[in-house]
Amino acid sequence: MKFSKKLASLSIAGAIVLSGCTTINPYTGEQQTSSVAKGSAIGAIGGAVLGAATSNDKGKGALIGALGGAAVGGGIGYYMDVQEAKLRQQLQGSGVSVTRSGNNITLNMPNAITFATNSSTLKPGADKVLSSVVLVVKEYDKTRINILGYTDNTGSASYNKLLSDKRANAVGGYFLSHGTKYARLNEKGMGEANPIASNSTSKGRAENRRVEIVLTPM
C-alpha cells in the first residue's frame, strides 16, 4: 500500500510538470518538450522522493518536494534554452550552425568564415559573427566557453595540432579583447581529430577545417 502511494506521488509530480510544457519549435515547426520541462520533470521526481521520505504527511511532502525540485531542475535547462534561442537569432544566415545536446550548445564555425588556409589570423568578416556570439555570452555569463580548433588531415599531425592551437587561441583572444572574463574560457587545438566529413574530398576537408565553440553550464 505504501509503495502504491509513493508511485502515485511520483506520477502526480511528473504530470504536474509536463502538462502544458510542450511547445512549438520556432525553427522546425515541430511540437516538442522543452529542455526546461525535461529538467523540471527530473527535478520533480527527485524532489518528490526526498519530500516523501522527510515528511510525516507523505503525500503532501511529495507534492512540495516535487514543486521545489522542478524549479531547481528546470533552471539550467531554461537558461540554456533562452541562450540557444538568442544565438540562433543572432547567427541566422551567418553560416554558423547551432547544435544543442542536453545542456550543451555547440557553434560550428567553418574556416570559410574564420581563417584562410594555413592561417591563424582571423578574417575581417569573422568580426561580425564573433561579435554576435560575444553579445549573447556576455549577457548569459553563467556558461563556460570551450573553444576547439580543428583541421583536415593535410600535412603532418604535429603541424595540424599547432595550427589548431593557434586558431583556438585567436578566437579566445577575440573574446578576451571584447570583455569576456578569462576564467570562462577554455581553448584547445584538436588538430585533425574528430572529422565531421571525409578527408578524401576537398569538400569534406573544408568541412573539417573549423572552430567549435561549445557553451556548457558553469
N, C-alpha and C. Protein backbone atom coordinates (compact mmCIF):
# COMPACT_ATOMS: atom_id res chain seq x y z
N MET A 1 0.84 -1.20 0.00
CA MET A 1 0.00 0.00 0.00
C MET A 1 0.87 1.25 0.00
N LYS A 2 1.88 1.28 0.89
CA LYS A 2 2.78 2.42 0.95
C LYS A 2 3.51 2.60 -0.38
N PHE A 3 3.89 1.47 -0.99
CA PHE A 3 4.60 1.53 -2.27
C PHE A 3 3.72 2.15 -3.35
N SER A 4 2.43 1.78 -3.36
CA SER A 4 1.49 2.32 -4.34
C SER A 4 1.32 3.82 -4.16
N LYS A 5 1.25 4.27 -2.92
CA LYS A 5 1.10 5.70 -2.66
C LYS A 5 2.32 6.48 -3.16
N LYS A 6 3.49 5.91 -2.97
CA LYS A 6 4.71 6.59 -3.45
C LYS A 6 4.71 6.68 -4.97
N LEU A 7 4.28 5.59 -5.61
CA LEU A 7 4.21 5.62 -7.08
C LEU A 7 3.22 6.67 -7.54
N ALA A 8 2.11 6.78 -6.85
CA ALA A 8 1.10 7.78 -7.22
C ALA A 8 1.65 9.18 -7.06
N SER A 9 2.41 9.40 -6.00
CA SER A 9 3.00 10.72 -5.78
C SER A 9 3.96 11.09 -6.89
N LEU A 10 4.76 10.13 -7.31
CA LEU A 10 5.72 10.39 -8.39
C LEU A 10 5.00 10.66 -9.70
N SER A 11 3.93 9.91 -9.96
CA SER A 11 3.17 10.12 -11.20
C SER A 11 2.55 11.51 -11.22
N ILE A 12 1.99 11.93 -10.08
CA ILE A 12 1.40 13.26 -9.99
C ILE A 12 2.45 14.32 -10.22
N ALA A 13 3.64 14.13 -9.62
CA ALA A 13 4.72 15.12 -9.77
C ALA A 13 5.11 15.28 -11.23
N GLY A 14 5.28 14.15 -11.92
CA GLY A 14 5.65 14.23 -13.34
C GLY A 14 4.56 14.86 -14.18
N ALA A 15 3.31 14.53 -13.86
CA ALA A 15 2.19 15.08 -14.64
C ALA A 15 2.07 16.58 -14.45
N ILE A 16 2.27 17.05 -13.21
CA ILE A 16 2.18 18.49 -12.93
C ILE A 16 3.18 19.24 -13.78
N VAL A 17 4.40 18.72 -13.85
CA VAL A 17 5.47 19.43 -14.55
C VAL A 17 5.31 19.38 -16.05
N LEU A 18 4.96 18.20 -16.58
CA LEU A 18 4.95 18.02 -18.02
C LEU A 18 3.67 18.53 -18.69
N SER A 19 2.59 18.65 -17.94
CA SER A 19 1.35 19.13 -18.54
C SER A 19 1.52 20.56 -19.00
N GLY A 20 1.22 20.80 -20.25
CA GLY A 20 1.31 22.16 -20.78
C GLY A 20 2.72 22.59 -21.12
N CYS A 21 3.72 21.68 -21.07
CA CYS A 21 5.11 22.07 -21.31
C CYS A 21 5.57 21.75 -22.72
N THR A 22 4.69 21.22 -23.56
CA THR A 22 5.06 21.01 -24.95
C THR A 22 4.90 22.32 -25.70
N THR A 23 5.88 22.64 -26.54
CA THR A 23 5.87 23.89 -27.28
C THR A 23 6.15 23.61 -28.75
N ILE A 24 6.00 24.62 -29.59
CA ILE A 24 6.33 24.51 -31.00
C ILE A 24 7.72 25.08 -31.21
N ASN A 25 8.63 24.26 -31.75
CA ASN A 25 9.98 24.72 -32.04
C ASN A 25 9.90 25.77 -33.15
N PRO A 26 10.39 27.00 -32.90
CA PRO A 26 10.25 28.06 -33.90
C PRO A 26 11.12 27.85 -35.13
N TYR A 27 12.05 26.90 -35.08
CA TYR A 27 12.96 26.67 -36.20
C TYR A 27 12.53 25.49 -37.07
N THR A 28 11.89 24.49 -36.44
CA THR A 28 11.47 23.31 -37.21
C THR A 28 9.96 23.25 -37.39
N GLY A 29 9.19 23.98 -36.57
CA GLY A 29 7.73 23.93 -36.64
C GLY A 29 7.15 22.69 -35.99
N GLU A 30 8.01 21.87 -35.33
CA GLU A 30 7.55 20.64 -34.72
C GLU A 30 7.23 20.85 -33.25
N GLN A 31 6.27 20.04 -32.74
CA GLN A 31 5.95 20.09 -31.33
C GLN A 31 7.03 19.35 -30.56
N GLN A 32 7.41 19.89 -29.40
CA GLN A 32 8.47 19.25 -28.63
C GLN A 32 8.30 19.59 -27.15
N THR A 33 8.95 18.79 -26.31
CA THR A 33 9.04 19.11 -24.89
C THR A 33 10.34 19.84 -24.68
N SER A 34 10.29 21.02 -24.11
CA SER A 34 11.49 21.84 -23.96
C SER A 34 12.45 21.22 -22.96
N SER A 35 13.71 21.66 -23.03
CA SER A 35 14.72 21.18 -22.09
C SER A 35 14.36 21.56 -20.67
N VAL A 36 13.77 22.73 -20.51
CA VAL A 36 13.38 23.14 -19.17
C VAL A 36 12.33 22.19 -18.60
N ALA A 37 11.41 21.71 -19.46
CA ALA A 37 10.38 20.79 -18.98
C ALA A 37 11.00 19.46 -18.58
N LYS A 38 11.93 18.97 -19.41
CA LYS A 38 12.59 17.71 -19.10
C LYS A 38 13.38 17.82 -17.80
N GLY A 39 14.10 18.91 -17.65
CA GLY A 39 14.88 19.12 -16.42
C GLY A 39 13.97 19.25 -15.22
N SER A 40 12.84 19.92 -15.40
CA SER A 40 11.90 20.09 -14.31
C SER A 40 11.29 18.76 -13.89
N ALA A 41 11.00 17.90 -14.89
CA ALA A 41 10.41 16.60 -14.59
C ALA A 41 11.37 15.75 -13.76
N ILE A 42 12.64 15.76 -14.15
CA ILE A 42 13.65 15.00 -13.40
C ILE A 42 13.76 15.56 -11.98
N GLY A 43 13.80 16.89 -11.88
CA GLY A 43 13.87 17.52 -10.57
C GLY A 43 12.64 17.24 -9.74
N ALA A 44 11.49 17.20 -10.38
CA ALA A 44 10.24 16.96 -9.67
C ALA A 44 10.21 15.57 -9.06
N ILE A 45 10.65 14.58 -9.83
CA ILE A 45 10.64 13.21 -9.33
C ILE A 45 11.61 13.06 -8.17
N GLY A 46 12.81 13.66 -8.34
CA GLY A 46 13.79 13.61 -7.26
C GLY A 46 13.27 14.33 -6.03
N GLY A 47 12.62 15.49 -6.23
CA GLY A 47 12.07 16.23 -5.12
C GLY A 47 10.94 15.48 -4.43
N ALA A 48 10.15 14.78 -5.21
CA ALA A 48 9.04 14.02 -4.65
C ALA A 48 9.54 12.90 -3.75
N VAL A 49 10.59 12.21 -4.19
CA VAL A 49 11.18 11.13 -3.39
C VAL A 49 11.69 11.68 -2.07
N LEU A 50 12.45 12.79 -2.16
CA LEU A 50 13.02 13.39 -0.96
C LEU A 50 11.93 13.91 -0.04
N GLY A 51 10.91 14.59 -0.64
CA GLY A 51 9.83 15.14 0.17
C GLY A 51 9.04 14.06 0.89
N ALA A 52 8.80 12.95 0.20
CA ALA A 52 8.05 11.85 0.81
C ALA A 52 8.84 11.20 1.94
N ALA A 53 10.15 11.16 1.78
CA ALA A 53 11.00 10.49 2.77
C ALA A 53 11.17 11.32 4.03
N THR A 54 11.04 12.63 3.92
CA THR A 54 11.35 13.50 5.05
C THR A 54 10.13 14.16 5.67
N SER A 55 8.95 13.83 5.20
CA SER A 55 7.74 14.46 5.72
C SER A 55 6.85 13.42 6.40
N ASN A 56 6.18 13.84 7.48
CA ASN A 56 5.23 12.96 8.15
C ASN A 56 4.02 12.69 7.27
N ASP A 57 3.59 13.71 6.53
CA ASP A 57 2.49 13.57 5.57
C ASP A 57 3.11 13.25 4.22
N LYS A 58 3.18 11.96 3.88
CA LYS A 58 3.92 11.53 2.70
C LYS A 58 3.41 12.18 1.41
N GLY A 59 2.09 12.25 1.25
CA GLY A 59 1.52 12.82 0.03
C GLY A 59 1.83 14.29 -0.10
N LYS A 60 1.62 15.02 0.99
CA LYS A 60 1.89 16.46 0.98
C LYS A 60 3.38 16.73 0.80
N GLY A 61 4.21 15.93 1.47
CA GLY A 61 5.66 16.10 1.37
C GLY A 61 6.15 15.85 -0.05
N ALA A 62 5.57 14.86 -0.72
CA ALA A 62 5.97 14.55 -2.09
C ALA A 62 5.62 15.68 -3.02
N LEU A 63 4.42 16.27 -2.83
CA LEU A 63 3.98 17.36 -3.70
C LEU A 63 4.86 18.59 -3.54
N ILE A 64 5.14 18.97 -2.28
CA ILE A 64 6.00 20.12 -2.02
C ILE A 64 7.40 19.87 -2.57
N GLY A 65 7.91 18.66 -2.35
CA GLY A 65 9.24 18.32 -2.86
C GLY A 65 9.29 18.34 -4.36
N ALA A 66 8.20 17.90 -5.00
CA ALA A 66 8.14 17.88 -6.47
C ALA A 66 8.22 19.28 -7.03
N LEU A 67 7.45 20.21 -6.45
CA LEU A 67 7.43 21.58 -6.96
C LEU A 67 8.79 22.26 -6.76
N GLY A 68 9.41 22.02 -5.60
CA GLY A 68 10.74 22.59 -5.35
C GLY A 68 11.78 22.00 -6.28
N GLY A 69 11.71 20.68 -6.47
CA GLY A 69 12.66 20.02 -7.37
C GLY A 69 12.50 20.46 -8.79
N ALA A 70 11.27 20.74 -9.21
CA ALA A 70 11.00 21.19 -10.58
C ALA A 70 11.66 22.53 -10.84
N ALA A 71 11.59 23.42 -9.85
CA ALA A 71 12.19 24.74 -10.02
C ALA A 71 13.70 24.65 -10.19
N VAL A 72 14.33 23.78 -9.38
CA VAL A 72 15.78 23.63 -9.47
C VAL A 72 16.17 22.91 -10.75
N GLY A 73 15.47 21.81 -11.06
CA GLY A 73 15.80 21.02 -12.25
C GLY A 73 15.61 21.77 -13.54
N GLY A 74 14.62 22.66 -13.58
CA GLY A 74 14.33 23.39 -14.80
C GLY A 74 15.19 24.61 -15.00
N GLY A 75 15.88 25.05 -13.95
CA GLY A 75 16.65 26.29 -14.03
C GLY A 75 17.72 26.28 -15.10
N ILE A 76 18.58 25.27 -15.10
CA ILE A 76 19.67 25.20 -16.06
C ILE A 76 19.13 25.03 -17.47
N GLY A 77 18.15 24.14 -17.61
CA GLY A 77 17.57 23.90 -18.93
C GLY A 77 16.97 25.16 -19.52
N TYR A 78 16.26 25.91 -18.69
CA TYR A 78 15.64 27.15 -19.16
C TYR A 78 16.70 28.17 -19.56
N TYR A 79 17.74 28.27 -18.74
CA TYR A 79 18.83 29.22 -19.00
C TYR A 79 19.48 28.93 -20.37
N MET A 80 19.71 27.64 -20.65
CA MET A 80 20.33 27.26 -21.91
C MET A 80 19.34 27.37 -23.07
N ASP A 81 18.04 27.13 -22.81
CA ASP A 81 17.01 27.28 -23.84
C ASP A 81 16.99 28.71 -24.38
N VAL A 82 16.97 29.67 -23.46
CA VAL A 82 16.88 31.07 -23.86
C VAL A 82 18.16 31.52 -24.56
N GLN A 83 19.29 31.06 -24.04
CA GLN A 83 20.57 31.40 -24.67
C GLN A 83 20.67 30.83 -26.08
N GLU A 84 20.20 29.60 -26.25
CA GLU A 84 20.20 28.96 -27.57
C GLU A 84 19.34 29.75 -28.55
N ALA A 85 18.15 30.15 -28.11
CA ALA A 85 17.25 30.90 -28.97
C ALA A 85 17.87 32.22 -29.42
N LYS A 86 18.55 32.90 -28.50
CA LYS A 86 19.17 34.18 -28.84
C LYS A 86 20.34 33.99 -29.81
N LEU A 87 21.10 32.92 -29.61
CA LEU A 87 22.21 32.64 -30.52
C LEU A 87 21.70 32.33 -31.92
N ARG A 88 20.65 31.55 -32.02
CA ARG A 88 20.07 31.24 -33.34
C ARG A 88 19.59 32.52 -34.03
N GLN A 89 19.00 33.39 -33.25
CA GLN A 89 18.52 34.65 -33.81
C GLN A 89 19.67 35.51 -34.31
N GLN A 90 20.72 35.62 -33.50
CA GLN A 90 21.87 36.45 -33.85
C GLN A 90 22.66 35.89 -35.04
N LEU A 91 22.71 34.56 -35.14
CA LEU A 91 23.56 33.91 -36.14
C LEU A 91 22.81 33.45 -37.38
N GLN A 92 21.54 33.78 -37.47
CA GLN A 92 20.75 33.37 -38.63
C GLN A 92 21.36 33.91 -39.92
N GLY A 93 21.58 33.01 -40.88
CA GLY A 93 22.14 33.40 -42.17
C GLY A 93 23.63 33.66 -42.16
N SER A 94 24.31 33.37 -41.05
CA SER A 94 25.75 33.65 -40.94
C SER A 94 26.62 32.52 -41.46
N GLY A 95 26.04 31.32 -41.62
CA GLY A 95 26.82 30.15 -42.00
C GLY A 95 27.30 29.35 -40.80
N VAL A 96 27.02 29.83 -39.59
CA VAL A 96 27.39 29.12 -38.37
C VAL A 96 26.20 28.26 -37.92
N SER A 97 26.44 26.98 -37.69
CA SER A 97 25.37 26.10 -37.23
C SER A 97 25.33 26.09 -35.71
N VAL A 98 24.11 25.97 -35.19
CA VAL A 98 23.90 25.91 -33.74
C VAL A 98 23.28 24.56 -33.42
N THR A 99 23.97 23.77 -32.59
CA THR A 99 23.51 22.42 -32.26
C THR A 99 23.36 22.30 -30.75
N ARG A 100 22.28 21.70 -30.32
CA ARG A 100 22.01 21.51 -28.89
C ARG A 100 22.13 20.04 -28.54
N SER A 101 22.88 19.72 -27.48
CA SER A 101 22.98 18.36 -26.97
C SER A 101 22.87 18.42 -25.46
N GLY A 102 21.72 18.03 -24.93
CA GLY A 102 21.50 18.18 -23.49
C GLY A 102 21.53 19.66 -23.13
N ASN A 103 22.39 20.01 -22.19
CA ASN A 103 22.55 21.41 -21.81
C ASN A 103 23.77 22.06 -22.44
N ASN A 104 24.33 21.43 -23.45
CA ASN A 104 25.48 21.99 -24.17
C ASN A 104 25.02 22.57 -25.51
N ILE A 105 25.58 23.72 -25.86
CA ILE A 105 25.28 24.36 -27.14
C ILE A 105 26.58 24.45 -27.93
N THR A 106 26.59 23.90 -29.16
CA THR A 106 27.78 23.93 -29.99
C THR A 106 27.57 24.83 -31.20
N LEU A 107 28.49 25.77 -31.38
CA LEU A 107 28.51 26.63 -32.56
C LEU A 107 29.63 26.15 -33.46
N ASN A 108 29.28 25.73 -34.67
CA ASN A 108 30.27 25.24 -35.63
C ASN A 108 30.59 26.36 -36.61
N MET A 109 31.83 26.87 -36.52
CA MET A 109 32.25 27.99 -37.36
C MET A 109 33.26 27.49 -38.40
N PRO A 110 32.84 27.33 -39.65
CA PRO A 110 33.76 26.83 -40.69
C PRO A 110 34.84 27.83 -41.02
N ASN A 111 35.95 27.33 -41.57
CA ASN A 111 37.08 28.20 -41.91
C ASN A 111 36.74 29.22 -42.98
N ALA A 112 35.71 28.95 -43.75
CA ALA A 112 35.29 29.92 -44.76
C ALA A 112 34.92 31.25 -44.11
N ILE A 113 34.54 31.19 -42.84
CA ILE A 113 34.17 32.39 -42.09
C ILE A 113 35.35 32.92 -41.28
N THR A 114 36.14 32.02 -40.71
CA THR A 114 37.10 32.42 -39.69
C THR A 114 38.55 32.59 -40.17
N PHE A 115 39.10 31.61 -40.90
CA PHE A 115 40.52 31.63 -41.24
C PHE A 115 40.78 31.23 -42.69
N ALA A 116 41.81 31.79 -43.25
CA ALA A 116 42.29 31.36 -44.57
C ALA A 116 43.10 30.08 -44.39
N THR A 117 43.34 29.36 -45.47
CA THR A 117 44.12 28.13 -45.42
C THR A 117 45.50 28.39 -44.84
N ASN A 118 45.91 27.54 -43.90
CA ASN A 118 47.22 27.61 -43.24
C ASN A 118 47.43 28.90 -42.44
N SER A 119 46.35 29.61 -42.12
CA SER A 119 46.48 30.86 -41.38
C SER A 119 45.78 30.76 -40.03
N SER A 120 46.32 31.47 -39.04
CA SER A 120 45.67 31.56 -37.73
C SER A 120 45.27 33.00 -37.43
N THR A 121 45.20 33.82 -38.50
CA THR A 121 44.75 35.20 -38.37
C THR A 121 43.28 35.27 -38.77
N LEU A 122 42.46 35.81 -37.89
CA LEU A 122 41.03 35.88 -38.18
C LEU A 122 40.75 36.73 -39.41
N LYS A 123 39.86 36.25 -40.25
CA LYS A 123 39.44 37.02 -41.41
C LYS A 123 38.66 38.26 -40.96
N PRO A 124 38.70 39.33 -41.76
CA PRO A 124 37.92 40.53 -41.40
C PRO A 124 36.44 40.25 -41.19
N GLY A 125 35.89 39.34 -41.99
CA GLY A 125 34.47 39.03 -41.88
C GLY A 125 34.09 38.26 -40.62
N ALA A 126 35.10 37.69 -39.93
CA ALA A 126 34.82 36.92 -38.73
C ALA A 126 34.34 37.81 -37.59
N ASP A 127 34.70 39.09 -37.66
CA ASP A 127 34.35 40.02 -36.59
C ASP A 127 32.84 40.09 -36.39
N LYS A 128 32.09 40.16 -37.48
CA LYS A 128 30.64 40.28 -37.38
C LYS A 128 30.02 39.07 -36.69
N VAL A 129 30.53 37.88 -37.05
CA VAL A 129 29.99 36.65 -36.46
C VAL A 129 30.37 36.55 -34.99
N LEU A 130 31.63 36.75 -34.68
CA LEU A 130 32.09 36.62 -33.30
C LEU A 130 31.48 37.68 -32.39
N SER A 131 31.27 38.87 -32.92
CA SER A 131 30.67 39.92 -32.10
C SER A 131 29.24 39.56 -31.72
N SER A 132 28.55 38.83 -32.61
CA SER A 132 27.18 38.37 -32.30
C SER A 132 27.20 37.35 -31.18
N VAL A 133 28.20 36.47 -31.19
CA VAL A 133 28.33 35.46 -30.13
C VAL A 133 28.69 36.14 -28.81
N VAL A 134 29.64 37.07 -28.86
CA VAL A 134 30.07 37.79 -27.65
C VAL A 134 28.88 38.50 -27.01
N LEU A 135 28.04 39.10 -27.83
CA LEU A 135 26.88 39.83 -27.34
C LEU A 135 26.00 38.93 -26.47
N VAL A 136 25.82 37.69 -26.90
CA VAL A 136 24.95 36.76 -26.17
C VAL A 136 25.66 36.20 -24.94
N VAL A 137 26.92 35.76 -25.09
CA VAL A 137 27.58 35.11 -23.95
C VAL A 137 27.91 36.09 -22.83
N LYS A 138 28.02 37.36 -23.16
CA LYS A 138 28.23 38.35 -22.10
C LYS A 138 26.95 38.54 -21.30
N GLU A 139 25.81 38.40 -21.96
CA GLU A 139 24.53 38.50 -21.26
C GLU A 139 24.28 37.27 -20.41
N TYR A 140 24.65 36.09 -20.94
CA TYR A 140 24.47 34.83 -20.23
C TYR A 140 25.83 34.37 -19.72
N ASP A 141 26.24 34.94 -18.60
CA ASP A 141 27.61 34.76 -18.13
C ASP A 141 27.78 33.59 -17.17
N LYS A 142 26.77 32.71 -17.10
CA LYS A 142 26.89 31.52 -16.25
C LYS A 142 27.24 30.29 -17.08
N THR A 143 27.86 30.51 -18.23
CA THR A 143 28.30 29.40 -19.07
C THR A 143 29.80 29.46 -19.31
N ARG A 144 30.41 28.30 -19.45
CA ARG A 144 31.82 28.22 -19.82
C ARG A 144 31.92 28.18 -21.35
N ILE A 145 32.95 28.85 -21.88
CA ILE A 145 33.14 28.95 -23.32
C ILE A 145 34.33 28.08 -23.72
N ASN A 146 34.05 26.93 -24.29
CA ASN A 146 35.09 25.99 -24.72
C ASN A 146 35.34 26.18 -26.21
N ILE A 147 36.55 26.58 -26.58
CA ILE A 147 36.88 26.87 -27.97
C ILE A 147 37.81 25.79 -28.50
N LEU A 148 37.36 25.04 -29.50
CA LEU A 148 38.10 23.90 -30.04
C LEU A 148 38.45 24.15 -31.50
N GLY A 149 39.74 24.10 -31.81
CA GLY A 149 40.19 24.28 -33.18
C GLY A 149 40.41 22.93 -33.87
N TYR A 150 40.00 22.83 -35.14
CA TYR A 150 40.14 21.58 -35.91
C TYR A 150 40.73 21.87 -37.29
N THR A 151 41.46 20.91 -37.82
CA THR A 151 41.99 20.99 -39.18
C THR A 151 41.57 19.75 -39.97
N ASP A 152 41.91 19.73 -41.26
CA ASP A 152 41.77 18.49 -42.02
C ASP A 152 43.04 17.67 -41.79
N ASN A 153 43.23 16.60 -42.57
CA ASN A 153 44.40 15.75 -42.34
C ASN A 153 45.55 16.03 -43.30
N THR A 154 45.49 17.16 -44.02
CA THR A 154 46.57 17.52 -44.93
C THR A 154 47.77 18.00 -44.11
N GLY A 155 48.95 17.49 -44.44
CA GLY A 155 50.14 17.86 -43.67
C GLY A 155 50.34 16.93 -42.48
N SER A 156 51.38 17.23 -41.70
CA SER A 156 51.70 16.36 -40.57
C SER A 156 50.75 16.61 -39.40
N ALA A 157 50.59 15.60 -38.58
CA ALA A 157 49.71 15.71 -37.42
C ALA A 157 50.22 16.77 -36.45
N SER A 158 51.54 16.87 -36.31
CA SER A 158 52.11 17.85 -35.38
C SER A 158 51.85 19.28 -35.86
N TYR A 159 51.97 19.51 -37.17
CA TYR A 159 51.71 20.84 -37.71
C TYR A 159 50.23 21.21 -37.54
N ASN A 160 49.36 20.25 -37.81
CA ASN A 160 47.92 20.49 -37.69
C ASN A 160 47.52 20.78 -36.24
N LYS A 161 48.17 20.09 -35.31
CA LYS A 161 47.87 20.34 -33.89
C LYS A 161 48.29 21.77 -33.53
N LEU A 162 49.47 22.19 -33.97
CA LEU A 162 49.95 23.54 -33.67
C LEU A 162 49.05 24.60 -34.30
N LEU A 163 48.65 24.38 -35.55
CA LEU A 163 47.78 25.33 -36.25
C LEU A 163 46.43 25.43 -35.55
N SER A 164 45.89 24.30 -35.14
CA SER A 164 44.58 24.32 -34.47
C SER A 164 44.67 25.01 -33.10
N ASP A 165 45.80 24.85 -32.41
CA ASP A 165 46.02 25.57 -31.15
C ASP A 165 45.98 27.08 -31.38
N LYS A 166 46.69 27.52 -32.40
CA LYS A 166 46.77 28.95 -32.70
C LYS A 166 45.40 29.51 -33.07
N ARG A 167 44.62 28.74 -33.81
CA ARG A 167 43.30 29.20 -34.20
C ARG A 167 42.35 29.29 -33.00
N ALA A 168 42.41 28.29 -32.13
CA ALA A 168 41.59 28.34 -30.91
C ALA A 168 41.98 29.54 -30.05
N ASN A 169 43.29 29.78 -29.95
CA ASN A 169 43.77 30.92 -29.16
C ASN A 169 43.36 32.26 -29.79
N ALA A 170 43.34 32.31 -31.11
CA ALA A 170 42.94 33.55 -31.79
C ALA A 170 41.48 33.89 -31.50
N VAL A 171 40.63 32.87 -31.52
CA VAL A 171 39.22 33.10 -31.20
C VAL A 171 39.06 33.48 -29.73
N GLY A 172 39.82 32.77 -28.86
CA GLY A 172 39.78 33.11 -27.45
C GLY A 172 40.25 34.53 -27.20
N GLY A 173 41.27 34.95 -27.93
CA GLY A 173 41.78 36.31 -27.81
C GLY A 173 40.73 37.33 -28.19
N TYR A 174 39.92 37.01 -29.17
CA TYR A 174 38.85 37.93 -29.58
C TYR A 174 37.85 38.11 -28.42
N PHE A 175 37.47 37.00 -27.80
CA PHE A 175 36.55 37.09 -26.68
C PHE A 175 37.13 37.94 -25.55
N LEU A 176 38.41 37.71 -25.24
CA LEU A 176 39.06 38.47 -24.17
C LEU A 176 39.09 39.96 -24.48
N SER A 177 39.44 40.28 -25.72
CA SER A 177 39.56 41.69 -26.11
C SER A 177 38.22 42.40 -26.15
N HIS A 178 37.13 41.63 -26.10
CA HIS A 178 35.80 42.23 -26.12
C HIS A 178 35.07 42.03 -24.79
N GLY A 179 35.85 41.90 -23.73
CA GLY A 179 35.28 41.96 -22.39
C GLY A 179 34.86 40.66 -21.74
N THR A 180 35.15 39.52 -22.37
CA THR A 180 34.81 38.24 -21.75
C THR A 180 35.85 37.88 -20.69
N LYS A 181 35.41 37.40 -19.55
CA LYS A 181 36.33 37.07 -18.46
C LYS A 181 37.17 35.84 -18.81
N TYR A 182 38.45 35.92 -18.50
CA TYR A 182 39.39 34.84 -18.81
C TYR A 182 38.97 33.52 -18.16
N ALA A 183 38.40 33.60 -16.95
CA ALA A 183 38.04 32.39 -16.20
C ALA A 183 36.97 31.56 -16.93
N ARG A 184 36.24 32.17 -17.85
CA ARG A 184 35.19 31.46 -18.56
C ARG A 184 35.73 30.71 -19.77
N LEU A 185 36.94 31.00 -20.19
CA LEU A 185 37.46 30.48 -21.46
C LEU A 185 38.30 29.22 -21.29
N ASN A 186 38.14 28.32 -22.22
CA ASN A 186 38.96 27.11 -22.30
C ASN A 186 39.28 26.89 -23.78
N GLU A 187 40.55 27.05 -24.17
CA GLU A 187 40.94 26.95 -25.57
C GLU A 187 41.80 25.71 -25.79
N LYS A 188 41.52 24.99 -26.86
CA LYS A 188 42.29 23.78 -27.14
C LYS A 188 42.30 23.47 -28.63
N GLY A 189 43.48 23.16 -29.14
CA GLY A 189 43.60 22.71 -30.52
C GLY A 189 43.45 21.20 -30.60
N MET A 190 42.59 20.74 -31.48
CA MET A 190 42.31 19.31 -31.61
C MET A 190 42.98 18.69 -32.83
N GLY A 191 43.67 19.53 -33.64
CA GLY A 191 44.33 19.01 -34.82
C GLY A 191 43.34 18.41 -35.80
N GLU A 192 43.67 17.23 -36.32
CA GLU A 192 42.81 16.57 -37.31
C GLU A 192 41.85 15.56 -36.68
N ALA A 193 41.71 15.61 -35.35
CA ALA A 193 40.81 14.69 -34.65
C ALA A 193 39.35 15.02 -34.94
N ASN A 194 38.49 14.05 -34.70
CA ASN A 194 37.03 14.22 -34.77
C ASN A 194 36.54 14.83 -36.09
N PRO A 195 36.91 14.27 -37.24
CA PRO A 195 36.40 14.81 -38.50
C PRO A 195 34.89 14.66 -38.59
N ILE A 196 34.23 15.64 -39.19
CA ILE A 196 32.78 15.58 -39.37
C ILE A 196 32.41 15.22 -40.80
N ALA A 197 33.42 15.07 -41.65
CA ALA A 197 33.23 14.69 -43.05
C ALA A 197 34.46 13.92 -43.51
N SER A 198 34.38 13.33 -44.70
CA SER A 198 35.50 12.57 -45.23
C SER A 198 36.64 13.49 -45.67
N ASN A 199 37.86 13.15 -45.28
CA ASN A 199 39.03 13.91 -45.71
C ASN A 199 39.50 13.52 -47.11
N SER A 200 38.78 12.62 -47.76
CA SER A 200 39.17 12.16 -49.09
C SER A 200 38.68 13.10 -50.20
N THR A 201 37.86 14.08 -49.85
CA THR A 201 37.37 15.04 -50.84
C THR A 201 37.66 16.46 -50.37
N SER A 202 37.77 17.39 -51.30
CA SER A 202 38.05 18.78 -50.94
C SER A 202 36.89 19.37 -50.13
N LYS A 203 35.67 18.98 -50.49
CA LYS A 203 34.50 19.46 -49.75
C LYS A 203 34.54 18.96 -48.31
N GLY A 204 34.88 17.70 -48.13
CA GLY A 204 34.96 17.13 -46.78
C GLY A 204 36.05 17.78 -45.96
N ARG A 205 37.21 18.00 -46.59
CA ARG A 205 38.31 18.64 -45.87
C ARG A 205 37.93 20.06 -45.44
N ALA A 206 37.19 20.76 -46.30
CA ALA A 206 36.76 22.12 -45.96
C ALA A 206 35.83 22.10 -44.75
N GLU A 207 34.97 21.09 -44.65
CA GLU A 207 34.07 20.98 -43.50
C GLU A 207 34.84 20.68 -42.22
N ASN A 208 35.90 19.91 -42.34
CA ASN A 208 36.68 19.54 -41.15
C ASN A 208 37.51 20.71 -40.61
N ARG A 209 37.84 21.66 -41.47
CA ARG A 209 38.58 22.85 -41.01
C ARG A 209 37.57 23.81 -40.37
N ARG A 210 37.57 23.85 -39.06
CA ARG A 210 36.53 24.59 -38.35
C ARG A 210 36.97 24.95 -36.93
N VAL A 211 36.22 25.84 -36.32
CA VAL A 211 36.34 26.11 -34.89
C VAL A 211 34.98 25.86 -34.27
N GLU A 212 34.96 25.08 -33.22
CA GLU A 212 33.71 24.84 -32.49
C GLU A 212 33.76 25.59 -31.17
N ILE A 213 32.69 26.31 -30.89
CA ILE A 213 32.53 26.97 -29.59
C ILE A 213 31.44 26.21 -28.86
N VAL A 214 31.82 25.56 -27.77
CA VAL A 214 30.88 24.74 -27.01
C VAL A 214 30.57 25.45 -25.69
N LEU A 215 29.32 25.82 -25.52
CA LEU A 215 28.90 26.52 -24.31
C LEU A 215 28.30 25.50 -23.34
N THR A 216 28.84 25.45 -22.13
CA THR A 216 28.38 24.50 -21.12
C THR A 216 28.05 25.24 -19.83
N PRO A 217 27.09 24.74 -19.05
CA PRO A 217 26.76 25.39 -17.77
C PRO A 217 27.96 25.36 -16.83
N MET A 218 28.16 26.45 -16.09
CA MET A 218 29.27 26.51 -15.13
C MET A 218 28.83 25.90 -13.80
